[in-house]
Amino acid sequence: LNDVYRSGEYENLEAKIDLKDSSSSVQIFGKKKPIVKTYEISGIDVLDRQSVDSIVSNLLFKPYVEKKVVDAITNVLKLYRTYGYSLADLTNVSFDREGGTLSFSFDEGKISKITIEGNERTDETVITREFSVKEGDYFLYKNIEEGLTNLRSTNLFNDVVFSVVKANNENVVVLHVSEKVSGVARLGFRADS
């Protein structure tokens, strides 16, 4: 009985045991969870839709089992990670028990804003020119690393680090630069007659 319940396909199970003289009988009563009849996915643009469908379609025409839904979501997120979309995430999942529709919504990790901190002498346009990732791009770690390498190669900074802040459902990339102290000393001399 426990194994059947642990399968996740039943909302509840009961066993009724009848003992009569030298015999006994067991009746099992249970209510199965509703069947997933269809699914909807929103927010997927960068992944191949067939790849995602092949993962999620395994849930169709079977009882709605939370663990299996979580496994499907995990596999979709692993697919994102395989292609380098490390900020992609599930934003919503819901199941309409009456209609049997399972709905997923994903955020693929677009960069909403890029802020720069620590630049006192270096013009911001130099930094944005060398850091090729722009607002509206998808967050791909290899592109971020390339941009950081470009910034370090300018030899203007002791260090360049980044962080990602999630604010108001937006992905904000924060670049923190530590500028090198200029080795140029400027002297002025003026002579008047």
Protein backbone atom coordinates (compact mmCIF):
# COMPACT_ATOMS: atom_id res chain seq x y z
CA LEU A 1 0.00 0.00 0.00
CA ASN A 2 2.83 2.37 0.88
CA ASP A 3 4.59 1.67 -2.43
CA VAL A 4 1.44 2.47 -4.39
CA TYR A 5 0.96 5.70 -2.43
CA ARG A 6 4.64 6.68 -2.89
CA SER A 7 4.19 6.43 -6.66
CA GLY A 8 2.46 9.81 -6.31
CA GLU A 9 -0.46 8.85 -8.55
CA TYR A 10 -3.05 8.78 -5.75
CA GLU A 11 -4.40 11.61 -3.67
CA ASN A 12 -5.38 9.18 -0.95
CA LEU A 13 -5.52 5.45 -0.33
CA GLU A 14 -7.41 3.40 2.20
CA ALA A 15 -7.38 -0.26 3.02
CA LYS A 16 -10.34 -2.07 4.54
CA ILE A 17 -9.59 -5.42 6.10
CA ASP A 18 -12.45 -7.85 6.73
CA LEU A 19 -11.75 -10.72 9.07
CA LYS A 20 -14.27 -13.56 8.91
CA ASP A 21 -13.75 -16.78 10.74
CA SER A 22 -10.65 -18.29 9.17
CA SER A 23 -10.40 -16.00 6.18
CA SER A 24 -9.67 -12.35 5.59
CA SER A 25 -10.01 -10.00 2.68
CA VAL A 26 -8.42 -6.66 1.89
CA GLN A 27 -10.13 -3.99 -0.15
CA ILE A 28 -8.15 -1.00 -1.32
CA PHE A 29 -9.89 2.27 -2.08
CA GLY A 30 -8.16 5.23 -3.58
CA LYS A 31 -8.64 8.41 -5.51
CA LYS A 32 -6.25 8.90 -8.40
CA LYS A 33 -4.86 12.33 -9.16
CA PRO A 34 -6.22 14.10 -12.25
CA ILE A 35 -4.73 13.28 -15.65
CA VAL A 36 -2.48 15.72 -17.52
CA LYS A 37 -4.31 16.12 -20.84
CA THR A 38 -2.32 18.96 -22.36
CA TYR A 39 0.45 21.41 -21.56
CA GLU A 40 1.38 24.99 -22.38
CA ILE A 41 4.87 26.48 -22.30
CA SER A 42 5.66 30.18 -22.51
CA GLY A 43 8.94 32.07 -22.53
CA ILE A 44 11.02 29.63 -24.57
CA ASP A 45 12.72 31.25 -27.55
CA VAL A 46 16.35 30.11 -27.52
CA LEU A 47 15.91 26.37 -27.02
CA ASP A 48 14.73 24.01 -29.72
CA ARG A 49 11.03 23.55 -29.01
CA GLN A 50 11.13 19.88 -30.01
CA SER A 51 13.79 19.21 -27.36
CA VAL A 52 11.61 20.80 -24.68
CA ASP A 53 8.49 19.01 -25.94
CA SER A 54 10.28 15.66 -25.79
CA ILE A 55 10.91 16.26 -22.08
CA VAL A 56 7.48 17.61 -21.12
CA SER A 57 5.39 15.29 -23.30
CA ASN A 58 6.33 12.37 -21.03
CA LEU A 59 3.86 13.83 -18.52
CA LEU A 60 0.86 13.62 -20.88
CA PHE A 61 -2.04 11.23 -20.29
CA LYS A 62 -0.71 10.26 -16.88
CA PRO A 63 -1.73 11.37 -13.39
CA TYR A 64 -0.35 14.72 -12.25
CA VAL A 65 2.58 13.67 -10.07
CA GLU A 66 4.48 16.58 -8.56
CA LYS A 67 7.81 14.74 -8.45
CA LYS A 68 7.60 13.93 -12.16
CA VAL A 69 6.78 17.57 -12.96
CA VAL A 70 9.79 18.71 -10.92
CA ASP A 71 11.97 16.19 -12.77
CA ALA A 72 10.75 17.54 -16.13
CA ILE A 73 11.46 21.14 -15.06
CA THR A 74 14.93 20.13 -13.86
CA ASN A 75 15.65 18.49 -17.22
CA VAL A 76 14.56 21.60 -19.13
CA LEU A 77 16.81 23.75 -16.92
CA LYS A 78 19.70 21.30 -17.50
CA LEU A 79 19.15 21.75 -21.23
CA TYR A 80 19.48 25.52 -20.77
CA ARG A 81 22.69 25.03 -18.76
CA THR A 82 24.10 22.76 -21.48
CA TYR A 83 23.90 25.69 -23.91
CA GLY A 84 25.30 28.18 -21.38
CA TYR A 85 22.09 29.98 -20.36
CA SER A 86 22.91 30.00 -16.67
CA LEU A 87 20.26 32.56 -15.65
CA ALA A 88 17.35 30.73 -17.29
CA ASP A 89 14.76 29.82 -14.69
CA LEU A 90 11.20 28.65 -14.21
CA THR A 91 8.98 31.58 -13.25
CA ASN A 92 5.66 29.77 -12.88
CA VAL A 93 4.10 26.33 -13.03
CA SER A 94 0.41 25.61 -12.55
CA PHE A 95 -2.00 22.76 -13.11
CA ASP A 96 -5.68 23.17 -13.93
CA ARG A 97 -7.17 20.14 -12.24
CA GLU A 98 -10.51 20.50 -14.01
CA GLY A 99 -9.22 20.89 -17.56
CA GLY A 100 -6.04 18.87 -17.13
CA THR A 101 -3.75 21.62 -18.48
CA LEU A 102 -0.22 21.87 -17.11
CA SER A 103 1.33 25.32 -17.70
CA PHE A 104 4.98 26.37 -17.50
CA SER A 105 6.53 29.80 -17.83
CA PHE A 106 10.28 30.33 -18.21
CA ASP A 107 12.59 33.35 -18.02
CA GLU A 108 15.55 32.73 -20.31
CA GLY A 109 17.83 35.17 -18.54
CA LYS A 110 17.93 38.32 -20.62
CA ILE A 111 20.09 41.09 -19.22
CA SER A 112 17.84 44.01 -18.33
CA LYS A 113 20.51 46.45 -17.25
CA ILE A 114 24.28 46.77 -16.93
CA THR A 115 25.70 49.05 -14.26
CA ILE A 116 29.34 50.01 -13.81
CA GLU A 117 30.90 50.75 -10.44
CA GLY A 118 34.34 51.99 -9.48
CA ASN A 119 35.24 53.95 -12.60
CA GLU A 120 36.38 57.39 -11.57
CA ARG A 121 38.87 58.20 -14.33
CA THR A 122 37.95 55.78 -17.11
CA ASP A 123 35.18 56.96 -19.41
CA GLU A 124 32.16 54.64 -19.32
CA THR A 125 32.14 54.40 -23.13
CA VAL A 126 35.58 52.73 -23.02
CA ILE A 127 34.19 50.10 -20.64
CA THR A 128 30.99 49.49 -22.61
CA ARG A 129 32.98 49.29 -25.87
CA GLU A 130 35.30 46.60 -24.49
CA PHE A 131 32.53 44.72 -22.66
CA SER A 132 30.65 43.39 -25.67
CA VAL A 133 27.61 42.15 -23.73
CA LYS A 134 24.73 44.61 -24.00
CA GLU A 135 21.39 45.15 -22.31
CA GLY A 136 18.80 42.89 -23.93
CA ASP A 137 21.35 40.09 -24.62
CA TYR A 138 20.87 36.69 -23.08
CA PHE A 139 23.21 35.98 -20.19
CA LEU A 140 25.79 33.54 -21.55
CA TYR A 141 28.76 33.02 -19.26
CA LYS A 142 31.20 32.61 -22.17
CA ASN A 143 30.22 36.07 -23.47
CA ILE A 144 30.59 37.59 -20.00
CA GLU A 145 34.03 36.00 -19.62
CA GLU A 146 35.07 37.31 -23.03
CA GLY A 147 33.96 40.82 -22.07
CA LEU A 148 35.88 40.63 -18.78
CA THR A 149 39.00 39.47 -20.66
CA ASN A 150 38.67 42.42 -23.05
CA LEU A 151 38.42 44.84 -20.12
CA ARG A 152 41.41 43.31 -18.37
CA SER A 153 43.41 43.51 -21.61
CA THR A 154 43.09 47.29 -21.70
CA ASN A 155 45.52 47.39 -18.77
CA LEU A 156 43.44 50.16 -17.21
CA PHE A 157 42.26 48.09 -14.27
CA ASN A 158 43.77 46.14 -11.39
CA ASP A 159 40.69 43.97 -11.31
CA VAL A 160 37.33 43.59 -13.01
CA VAL A 161 34.59 41.48 -11.43
CA PHE A 162 30.91 41.05 -12.13
CA SER A 163 27.82 40.03 -10.24
CA VAL A 164 24.22 39.50 -11.20
CA VAL A 165 21.48 41.03 -9.12
CA LYS A 166 17.86 40.01 -9.53
CA ALA A 167 15.75 43.11 -8.89
CA ASN A 168 12.06 43.49 -9.75
CA ASN A 169 12.22 40.38 -11.98
CA GLU A 170 15.09 41.92 -13.93
CA ASN A 171 18.62 40.60 -14.34
CA VAL A 172 21.08 43.39 -13.60
CA VAL A 173 24.75 42.77 -14.40
CA VAL A 174 27.00 44.85 -12.15
CA LEU A 175 30.57 45.39 -13.35
CA HIS A 176 32.94 46.53 -10.64
CA VAL A 177 36.25 47.89 -11.89
CA SER A 178 39.27 48.71 -9.79
CA GLU A 179 41.24 51.29 -11.73
CA LYS A 180 45.03 51.33 -11.78
CA VAL A 181 46.76 54.34 -10.36
CA SER A 182 48.14 56.36 -13.21
CA GLY A 183 51.93 56.40 -13.38
CA VAL A 184 52.01 59.67 -15.28
CA ALA A 185 52.88 62.76 -13.35
CA ARG A 186 52.01 66.05 -14.95
CA LEU A 187 53.91 69.14 -14.13
CA GLY A 188 53.05 72.60 -15.28
CA PHE A 189 55.42 75.51 -15.58
CA ARG A 190 54.63 78.95 -16.66
CA ALA A 191 56.91 81.87 -17.10
CA ASP A 192 55.75 85.38 -17.70
CA SER A 193 57.87 88.29 -18.62
